[in-house]
Amino acid sequence: MARIRVGRVGEQIKKELSVIVQAELKDPRVGFMTVTGVDVTNDLSLAKVYLSVMGTEQQKEDTLKALVKATGFIRSELGKRIRLRKTPELQFLFDSSIAYGSRIDQLLTELNERDAEQ
């Protein structure tokens, strides 16, 4: 039963973080970014936020630095929007699954083109 609540809290954090980062955060270093997932510990003390950022490696690093710097603001806004006893610590991580999937798609397309030529 507790795991179901943790999943629901994670999904709510994901929705609210997307809104906070897109609408409230005014840092120009934050590029085109999507919150792809949130893993919350069972005691709701830590939330790992997975991000997908479009752009160069430099833009990705700048976005991550801006988010880490604004963690206090983001946590306070999250605490106002979600009623929890304690707002979880936020840990921002890159989600490489989208890049990995597009790389596999590119390789499959190249293989199909090569087979069509032969």
C-alpha atoms as a PDB file:
ATOM      1  CA  MET A   1       0.000   0.000   0.000  1.00  0.00           C
ATOM      2  CA  ALA A   2       2.832   2.409   0.811  1.00  0.00           C
ATOM      3  CA  ARG A   3       4.459   1.808  -2.584  1.00  0.00           C
ATOM      4  CA  ILE A   4       1.292   2.979  -4.330  1.00  0.00           C
ATOM      5  CA  ARG A   5       1.414   6.260  -2.394  1.00  0.00           C
ATOM      6  CA  VAL A   6       5.096   6.727  -3.235  1.00  0.00           C
ATOM      7  CA  GLY A   7       4.262   6.283  -6.935  1.00  0.00           C
ATOM      8  CA  ARG A   8       1.433   8.805  -6.762  1.00  0.00           C
ATOM      9  CA  VAL A   9       3.618  11.322  -4.938  1.00  0.00           C
ATOM     10  CA  GLY A  10       6.338  10.818  -7.561  1.00  0.00           C
ATOM     11  CA  GLU A  11       3.921  11.496 -10.399  1.00  0.00           C
ATOM     12  CA  GLN A  12       2.590  14.607  -8.668  1.00  0.00           C
ATOM     13  CA  ILE A  13       6.135  15.881  -8.087  1.00  0.00           C
ATOM     14  CA  LYS A  14       6.880  15.284 -11.774  1.00  0.00           C
ATOM     15  CA  LYS A  15       3.855  17.344 -12.857  1.00  0.00           C
ATOM     16  CA  GLU A  16       4.557  20.192 -10.460  1.00  0.00           C
ATOM     17  CA  LEU A  17       8.280  20.324 -11.277  1.00  0.00           C
ATOM     18  CA  SER A  18       7.487  20.629 -14.970  1.00  0.00           C
ATOM     19  CA  VAL A  19       5.226  23.604 -14.298  1.00  0.00           C
ATOM     20  CA  ILE A  20       7.649  25.237 -11.848  1.00  0.00           C
ATOM     21  CA  VAL A  21      10.654  24.962 -14.162  1.00  0.00           C
ATOM     22  CA  GLN A  22       8.801  26.115 -17.268  1.00  0.00           C
ATOM     23  CA  ALA A  23       6.729  28.937 -15.741  1.00  0.00           C
ATOM     24  CA  GLU A  24       8.361  30.104 -12.518  1.00  0.00           C
ATOM     25  CA  LEU A  25      12.097  29.658 -13.061  1.00  0.00           C
ATOM     26  CA  LYS A  26      13.558  32.694 -14.830  1.00  0.00           C
ATOM     27  CA  ASP A  27      17.161  31.499 -15.287  1.00  0.00           C
ATOM     28  CA  PRO A  28      18.203  31.899 -18.960  1.00  0.00           C
ATOM     29  CA  ARG A  29      20.577  28.924 -18.665  1.00  0.00           C
ATOM     30  CA  VAL A  30      17.627  26.533 -18.444  1.00  0.00           C
ATOM     31  CA  GLY A  31      17.113  25.349 -22.002  1.00  0.00           C
ATOM     32  CA  PHE A  32      14.446  23.164 -23.561  1.00  0.00           C
ATOM     33  CA  MET A  33      14.048  20.560 -20.863  1.00  0.00           C
ATOM     34  CA  THR A  34      11.577  17.817 -20.016  1.00  0.00           C
ATOM     35  CA  VAL A  35      11.116  16.037 -16.702  1.00  0.00           C
ATOM     36  CA  THR A  36      10.969  12.388 -17.792  1.00  0.00           C
ATOM     37  CA  GLY A  37      10.597  10.733 -14.422  1.00  0.00           C
ATOM     38  CA  VAL A  38      10.849  10.996 -10.655  1.00  0.00           C
ATOM     39  CA  ASP A  39      11.922   8.223  -8.295  1.00  0.00           C
ATOM     40  CA  VAL A  40      11.016   8.851  -4.683  1.00  0.00           C
ATOM     41  CA  THR A  41      12.397   6.879  -1.737  1.00  0.00           C
ATOM     42  CA  ASN A  42       9.946   5.015   0.505  1.00  0.00           C
ATOM     43  CA  ASP A  43      10.266   7.587   3.282  1.00  0.00           C
ATOM     44  CA  LEU A  44       9.740  10.472   0.807  1.00  0.00           C
ATOM     45  CA  SER A  45      12.996  12.128   1.856  1.00  0.00           C
ATOM     46  CA  LEU A  46      14.755  12.035  -1.538  1.00  0.00           C
ATOM     47  CA  ALA A  47      13.443  12.489  -5.063  1.00  0.00           C
ATOM     48  CA  LYS A  48      15.664  11.664  -8.032  1.00  0.00           C
ATOM     49  CA  VAL A  49      14.477  13.812 -10.919  1.00  0.00           C
ATOM     50  CA  TYR A  50      15.367  12.533 -14.392  1.00  0.00           C
ATOM     51  CA  LEU A  51      15.712  15.181 -17.099  1.00  0.00           C
ATOM     52  CA  SER A  52      15.950  15.168 -20.840  1.00  0.00           C
ATOM     53  CA  VAL A  53      17.602  18.290 -22.239  1.00  0.00           C
ATOM     54  CA  MET A  54      17.753  19.170 -25.909  1.00  0.00           C
ATOM     55  CA  GLY A  55      20.939  20.866 -27.092  1.00  0.00           C
ATOM     56  CA  THR A  56      24.677  20.570 -26.946  1.00  0.00           C
ATOM     57  CA  GLU A  57      26.642  19.124 -24.044  1.00  0.00           C
ATOM     58  CA  GLN A  58      27.439  22.663 -22.879  1.00  0.00           C
ATOM     59  CA  GLN A  59      23.743  23.576 -22.819  1.00  0.00           C
ATOM     60  CA  LYS A  60      22.973  20.403 -20.874  1.00  0.00           C
ATOM     61  CA  GLU A  61      25.633  21.210 -18.291  1.00  0.00           C
ATOM     62  CA  ASP A  62      24.419  24.816 -18.010  1.00  0.00           C
ATOM     63  CA  THR A  63      20.855  23.626 -17.480  1.00  0.00           C
ATOM     64  CA  LEU A  64      21.964  21.216 -14.768  1.00  0.00           C
ATOM     65  CA  LYS A  65      24.012  23.935 -13.025  1.00  0.00           C
ATOM     66  CA  ALA A  66      21.047  26.322 -13.124  1.00  0.00           C
ATOM     67  CA  LEU A  67      18.724  23.706 -11.649  1.00  0.00           C
ATOM     68  CA  VAL A  68      21.164  22.803  -8.891  1.00  0.00           C
ATOM     69  CA  LYS A  69      21.559  26.484  -8.030  1.00  0.00           C
ATOM     70  CA  ALA A  70      17.769  26.967  -7.953  1.00  0.00           C
ATOM     71  CA  THR A  71      17.080  23.811  -5.912  1.00  0.00           C
ATOM     72  CA  GLY A  72      16.067  25.805  -2.823  1.00  0.00           C
ATOM     73  CA  PHE A  73      13.551  27.879  -4.769  1.00  0.00           C
ATOM     74  CA  ILE A  74      12.190  24.800  -6.548  1.00  0.00           C
ATOM     75  CA  ARG A  75      11.805  22.910  -3.241  1.00  0.00           C
ATOM     76  CA  SER A  76       9.994  25.830  -1.605  1.00  0.00           C
ATOM     77  CA  GLU A  77       7.583  26.126  -4.543  1.00  0.00           C
ATOM     78  CA  LEU A  78       7.067  22.363  -4.492  1.00  0.00           C
ATOM     79  CA  GLY A  79       6.329  22.515  -0.763  1.00  0.00           C
ATOM     80  CA  LYS A  80       3.667  25.172  -1.362  1.00  0.00           C
ATOM     81  CA  ARG A  81       1.975  23.094  -4.057  1.00  0.00           C
ATOM     82  CA  ILE A  82       2.154  19.609  -2.536  1.00  0.00           C
ATOM     83  CA  ARG A  83       1.076  19.097   1.053  1.00  0.00           C
ATOM     84  CA  LEU A  84       3.669  16.765   2.575  1.00  0.00           C
ATOM     85  CA  ARG A  85       5.116  16.653   6.069  1.00  0.00           C
ATOM     86  CA  LYS A  86       8.600  17.173   4.626  1.00  0.00           C
ATOM     87  CA  THR A  87       9.444  18.255   1.093  1.00  0.00           C
ATOM     88  CA  PRO A  88      11.899  15.756  -0.433  1.00  0.00           C
ATOM     89  CA  GLU A  89      15.477  16.676  -1.291  1.00  0.00           C
ATOM     90  CA  LEU A  90      15.832  16.986  -5.070  1.00  0.00           C
ATOM     91  CA  GLN A  91      18.616  15.299  -6.993  1.00  0.00           C
ATOM     92  CA  PHE A  92      18.750  16.131 -10.711  1.00  0.00           C
ATOM     93  CA  LEU A  93      20.056  13.477 -13.141  1.00  0.00           C
ATOM     94  CA  PHE A  94      20.188  13.217 -16.916  1.00  0.00           C
ATOM     95  CA  ASP A  95      17.934  10.629 -18.534  1.00  0.00           C
ATOM     96  CA  SER A  96      19.887   9.149 -21.402  1.00  0.00           C
ATOM     97  CA  SER A  97      17.153   6.724 -22.483  1.00  0.00           C
ATOM     98  CA  ILE A  98      15.775   9.094 -25.143  1.00  0.00           C
ATOM     99  CA  ALA A  99      19.218   9.612 -26.704  1.00  0.00           C
ATOM    100  CA  TYR A 100      19.862   5.872 -26.467  1.00  0.00           C
ATOM    101  CA  GLY A 101      16.547   5.101 -28.197  1.00  0.00           C
ATOM    102  CA  SER A 102      17.188   7.590 -30.988  1.00  0.00           C
ATOM    103  CA  ARG A 103      20.682   6.128 -31.520  1.00  0.00           C
ATOM    104  CA  ILE A 104      19.183   2.633 -31.872  1.00  0.00           C
ATOM    105  CA  ASP A 105      16.593   3.994 -34.300  1.00  0.00           C
ATOM    106  CA  GLN A 106      19.354   5.641 -36.351  1.00  0.00           C
ATOM    107  CA  LEU A 107      21.344   2.391 -36.481  1.00  0.00           C
ATOM    108  CA  LEU A 108      18.291   0.391 -37.567  1.00  0.00           C
ATOM    109  CA  THR A 109      17.527   2.929 -40.300  1.00  0.00           C
ATOM    110  CA  GLU A 110      21.112   2.681 -41.578  1.00  0.00           C
ATOM    111  CA  LEU A 111      20.891  -1.113 -41.610  1.00  0.00           C
ATOM    112  CA  ASN A 112      17.608  -1.036 -43.511  1.00  0.00           C
ATOM    113  CA  GLU A 113      19.052   1.374 -46.078  1.00  0.00           C
ATOM    114  CA  ARG A 114      22.099  -0.825 -46.521  1.00  0.00           C
ATOM    115  CA  ASP A 115      19.924  -3.909 -47.015  1.00  0.00           C
ATOM    116  CA  ALA A 116      17.763  -2.068 -49.564  1.00  0.00           C
ATOM    117  CA  GLU A 117      20.867  -1.138 -51.570  1.00  0.00           C
ATOM    118  CA  GLN A 118      22.024  -4.776 -51.811  1.00  0.00           C
END
